[in-house]
Protein backbone atom coordinates (compact mmCIF):
# COMPACT_ATOMS: atom_id res chain seq x y z
CA MET A 1 -10.66 -4.96 13.55
CA SER A 2 -9.29 -8.16 12.16
CA GLY A 3 -9.79 -10.42 9.18
CA SER A 4 -9.81 -8.68 5.80
CA ILE A 5 -8.10 -5.29 5.87
CA VAL A 6 -7.19 -2.79 3.13
CA PHE A 7 -4.48 -0.21 3.99
CA LEU A 8 -4.93 3.03 2.09
CA GLY A 9 -3.19 6.45 2.00
CA PRO A 10 -1.44 8.84 -0.37
CA PRO A 11 1.93 8.03 -1.91
CA ALA A 12 4.74 8.10 0.73
CA SER A 13 2.25 8.08 3.62
CA GLY A 14 3.87 4.89 5.05
CA LYS A 15 1.38 2.26 3.91
CA GLY A 16 4.06 -0.28 3.15
CA THR A 17 5.89 0.14 6.42
CA GLN A 18 2.78 0.09 8.60
CA GLY A 19 0.80 -2.42 6.60
CA ARG A 20 3.65 -4.91 6.45
CA ARG A 21 4.30 -4.59 10.16
CA LEU A 22 0.63 -4.99 11.14
CA ALA A 23 0.25 -8.05 8.88
CA GLU A 24 3.28 -9.71 10.44
CA ASP A 25 2.14 -9.02 13.99
CA LEU A 26 -1.44 -10.26 13.34
CA GLY A 27 -0.41 -13.25 11.21
CA LEU A 28 -2.17 -11.91 8.15
CA ALA A 29 -1.22 -12.73 4.54
CA TYR A 30 0.17 -9.55 3.00
CA LEU A 31 0.10 -8.11 -0.50
CA SER A 32 1.57 -4.83 -1.68
CA THR A 33 0.13 -4.37 -5.13
CA GLY A 34 2.71 -1.61 -5.92
CA ALA A 35 5.64 -3.74 -4.90
CA LEU A 36 4.21 -6.66 -6.91
CA LEU A 37 3.88 -4.52 -10.08
CA ARG A 38 7.34 -3.07 -9.69
CA ARG A 39 8.83 -6.55 -9.33
CA GLU A 40 6.96 -7.67 -12.49
CA VAL A 41 8.42 -4.74 -14.37
CA ARG A 42 11.96 -5.55 -13.24
CA ASP A 43 11.41 -9.17 -14.18
CA GLY A 44 10.15 -8.29 -17.63
CA SER A 45 6.89 -10.30 -17.29
CA SER A 46 3.82 -9.73 -19.49
CA LEU A 47 2.03 -8.12 -16.50
CA GLY A 48 5.09 -5.89 -15.97
CA GLY A 49 5.02 -4.88 -19.63
CA ARG A 50 1.37 -3.87 -19.40
CA ALA A 51 1.90 -1.94 -16.16
CA LYS A 52 5.18 -0.17 -16.95
CA THR A 53 3.71 2.68 -19.09
CA TYR A 54 1.33 3.57 -16.29
CA LEU A 55 3.91 3.30 -13.53
CA ASP A 56 6.50 5.37 -15.41
CA SER A 57 4.01 8.28 -15.72
CA GLY A 58 2.63 8.00 -12.21
CA GLU A 59 -0.80 6.82 -13.40
CA TYR A 60 -2.69 4.08 -11.67
CA VAL A 61 -2.74 0.69 -13.44
CA PRO A 62 -6.32 0.17 -14.84
CA ASP A 63 -8.90 -1.98 -13.17
CA GLU A 64 -8.82 -4.67 -15.88
CA VAL A 65 -5.23 -5.41 -14.92
CA MET A 66 -5.38 -4.89 -11.14
CA VAL A 67 -8.71 -6.57 -10.22
CA PRO A 68 -8.05 -10.06 -11.59
CA MET A 69 -4.53 -10.03 -10.12
CA VAL A 70 -5.76 -9.18 -6.61
CA LEU A 71 -8.76 -11.53 -6.66
CA GLU A 72 -6.55 -14.38 -7.83
CA TRP A 73 -4.15 -13.71 -4.97
CA VAL A 74 -6.92 -13.49 -2.36
CA SER A 75 -8.43 -16.76 -3.64
CA ARG A 76 -5.10 -18.57 -2.80
CA GLN A 77 -4.96 -17.40 0.80
CA ALA A 78 -5.76 -19.88 3.54
CA SER A 79 -5.97 -17.18 6.21
CA ASP A 80 -7.06 -13.56 6.72
CA TRP A 81 -5.20 -11.00 4.70
CA LEU A 82 -4.18 -7.35 4.35
CA LEU A 83 -3.97 -5.47 1.06
CA ASP A 84 -1.52 -2.55 0.89
CA GLY A 85 -2.57 0.07 -1.70
CA PHE A 86 -5.71 -1.65 -2.95
CA PRO A 87 -8.43 -0.78 -3.78
CA ARG A 88 -7.35 2.31 -5.69
CA THR A 89 -10.75 3.12 -7.28
CA LEU A 90 -14.36 3.12 -6.14
CA ARG A 91 -15.06 0.31 -8.56
CA GLN A 92 -12.29 -1.82 -7.05
CA ALA A 93 -13.74 -1.34 -3.56
CA MET A 94 -17.15 -2.36 -4.77
CA VAL A 95 -15.75 -5.42 -6.63
CA LEU A 96 -14.06 -6.63 -3.42
CA ASP A 97 -17.42 -6.46 -1.66
CA ASP A 98 -19.26 -8.15 -4.51
CA GLU A 99 -16.78 -10.96 -5.13
CA LEU A 100 -15.73 -11.82 -1.61
CA ASP A 101 -17.77 -13.33 1.21
CA VAL A 102 -16.09 -11.14 3.81
CA GLU A 103 -16.56 -7.67 5.31
CA VAL A 104 -13.55 -5.62 4.17
CA ARG A 105 -12.41 -2.89 6.53
CA ALA A 106 -10.08 -0.02 5.73
CA ILE A 107 -7.23 1.74 7.57
CA ILE A 108 -6.44 5.12 6.05
CA LEU A 109 -3.19 6.92 6.82
CA GLU A 110 -3.44 10.75 6.72
CA VAL A 111 -0.35 12.82 5.94
CA GLY A 112 -0.12 16.38 4.61
CA GLU A 113 1.20 17.15 1.10
CA ALA A 114 4.31 18.98 2.26
CA GLU A 115 5.46 16.01 4.36
CA LEU A 116 4.71 13.60 1.54
CA ARG A 117 6.99 15.56 -0.79
CA ARG A 118 9.75 15.59 1.86
CA ARG A 119 9.51 11.82 2.39
CA VAL A 120 9.57 10.93 -1.28
CA SER A 121 12.90 12.65 -1.98
CA GLY A 122 15.66 10.12 -1.54
CA ARG A 123 13.40 7.21 -0.64
CA LEU A 124 15.04 3.73 -1.02
CA GLU A 125 13.44 0.35 -1.48
CA CYS A 126 14.86 -3.14 -1.26
CA VAL A 127 14.99 -4.92 -4.68
CA ASP A 128 14.28 -8.26 -2.97
CA CYS A 129 11.79 -7.86 -0.13
CA HIS A 130 10.53 -4.45 -1.31
CA ARG A 131 10.79 -3.03 2.20
CA VAL A 132 11.19 0.76 2.33
CA ALA A 133 14.55 1.59 3.99
CA LYS A 134 14.63 3.43 7.28
CA ALA A 135 16.67 6.54 7.88
CA GLY A 136 20.42 5.71 7.91
CA GLU A 137 20.20 2.67 5.70
CA LYS A 138 22.35 3.23 2.61
CA GLU A 139 23.18 0.28 0.37
CA LEU A 140 21.85 -3.00 1.85
CA CYS A 141 18.50 -3.88 3.43
CA VAL A 142 18.90 -4.75 7.13
CA ALA A 143 15.98 -7.26 6.84
CA CYS A 144 17.22 -9.45 3.95
CA GLY A 145 20.52 -8.05 2.68
CA GLY A 146 19.15 -7.02 -0.68
CA ARG A 147 20.27 -3.89 -2.54
CA LEU A 148 18.56 -0.64 -1.71
CA VAL A 149 17.68 1.42 -4.78
CA PRO A 150 15.52 4.55 -5.50
CA ARG A 151 11.94 3.70 -6.32
CA GLU A 152 11.33 3.85 -10.02
CA ASP A 153 8.16 5.94 -9.56
CA ASP A 154 9.59 8.55 -7.20
CA SER A 155 10.57 11.22 -9.75
CA VAL A 156 9.00 14.63 -9.01
CA GLU A 157 6.70 14.43 -12.04
CA SER A 158 5.64 10.89 -11.32
CA PHE A 159 4.97 11.62 -7.64
CA GLU A 160 2.86 14.65 -8.44
CA ASN A 161 0.88 12.61 -10.98
CA ARG A 162 0.38 9.81 -8.40
CA LEU A 163 -0.78 12.36 -5.78
CA ALA A 164 -3.32 13.76 -8.21
CA GLU A 165 -4.55 10.34 -9.15
CA TYR A 166 -4.86 9.47 -5.47
CA GLN A 167 -7.10 12.48 -4.89
CA ARG A 168 -9.15 11.74 -7.98
CA LEU A 169 -9.52 8.00 -7.69
CA VAL A 170 -8.78 6.75 -4.21
CA LEU A 171 -10.63 9.36 -2.13
CA PRO A 172 -14.01 8.14 -3.51
CA ALA A 173 -13.07 4.57 -2.46
CA ILE A 174 -12.22 5.90 1.03
CA ASP A 175 -15.61 7.72 1.14
CA TYR A 176 -17.21 4.38 0.25
CA TYR A 177 -15.76 2.69 3.38
CA ARG A 178 -16.46 5.75 5.63
CA GLU A 179 -20.08 5.92 4.58
CA ARG A 180 -20.47 2.27 5.52
CA GLU A 181 -18.63 2.77 8.89
CA ARG A 182 -15.88 0.39 7.85
CA ALA A 183 -12.95 2.84 7.96
CA VAL A 184 -10.61 4.12 10.61
CA LEU A 185 -8.41 7.19 10.07
CA VAL A 186 -4.83 7.28 11.47
CA ASP A 187 -2.62 10.37 11.67
CA GLY A 188 0.54 9.29 9.90
CA LEU A 189 2.56 12.37 10.76
CA ALA A 190 5.00 11.03 13.30
CA PRO A 191 7.94 8.63 13.54
CA PRO A 192 7.03 5.07 12.34
CA ASP A 193 6.88 3.52 15.81
CA VAL A 194 4.47 6.26 17.05
CA VAL A 195 2.29 5.81 13.93
CA TYR A 196 2.24 2.09 14.50
CA ASP A 197 0.95 2.58 18.10
CA ARG A 198 -1.81 4.74 16.60
CA VAL A 199 -2.66 1.97 14.09
CA LEU A 200 -2.91 -0.62 16.91
CA LYS A 201 -5.19 1.65 18.89
CA ALA A 202 -7.32 2.35 15.87
CA VAL A 203 -7.85 -1.30 15.12
CA ALA A 204 -8.29 -2.11 18.81
CA VAL A 205 -5.88 -5.00 19.06
CA ASP A 206 -3.16 -5.85 21.54
CA VAL A 207 0.14 -6.98 20.00
CA VAL A 208 3.21 -8.02 21.98
CA ILE A 209 6.14 -6.12 20.44
């Protein structure tokens, strides 16, 4: 698998960690839609203002906001790309197929709910590069030196809402890719390096690490 990839999974499944690493190793342009929206909220942009109400309550930002943003980003890429956390609805998956002259393939991380809840408690993210901190990192990001802060959408109520929204909205999109034999499932219940090895095997590529 190469080219145009979408990286999907429930909240706190490790999409950002694994998707960013795979994109870097394969030389793919990378977009985390969640990180982009959170940055827009912090910057006080018009997009951030529209998205904030949804993010604060753990709801997914509606298609009319997300789809144009992602399609505009994809149109500016000169190379293959990886989307982290998009599509988040069946309609979004279908729009990607309808609007783009590429065959989009999906990597899906699978992690049980108990582990997701454990991971989300105390999770930190860099305010500059939006990388999720590894265990032991406390104040500053080891990658760029930015401040590490709790994610704004990691409250218990917000997380439970996001998990319910994932099950209601994203699972049909995953079924869409599986029915078309364009999806690979990866067990995400392991240390990050082990999960990454599984990702590489699932996409059948050799990367020098």
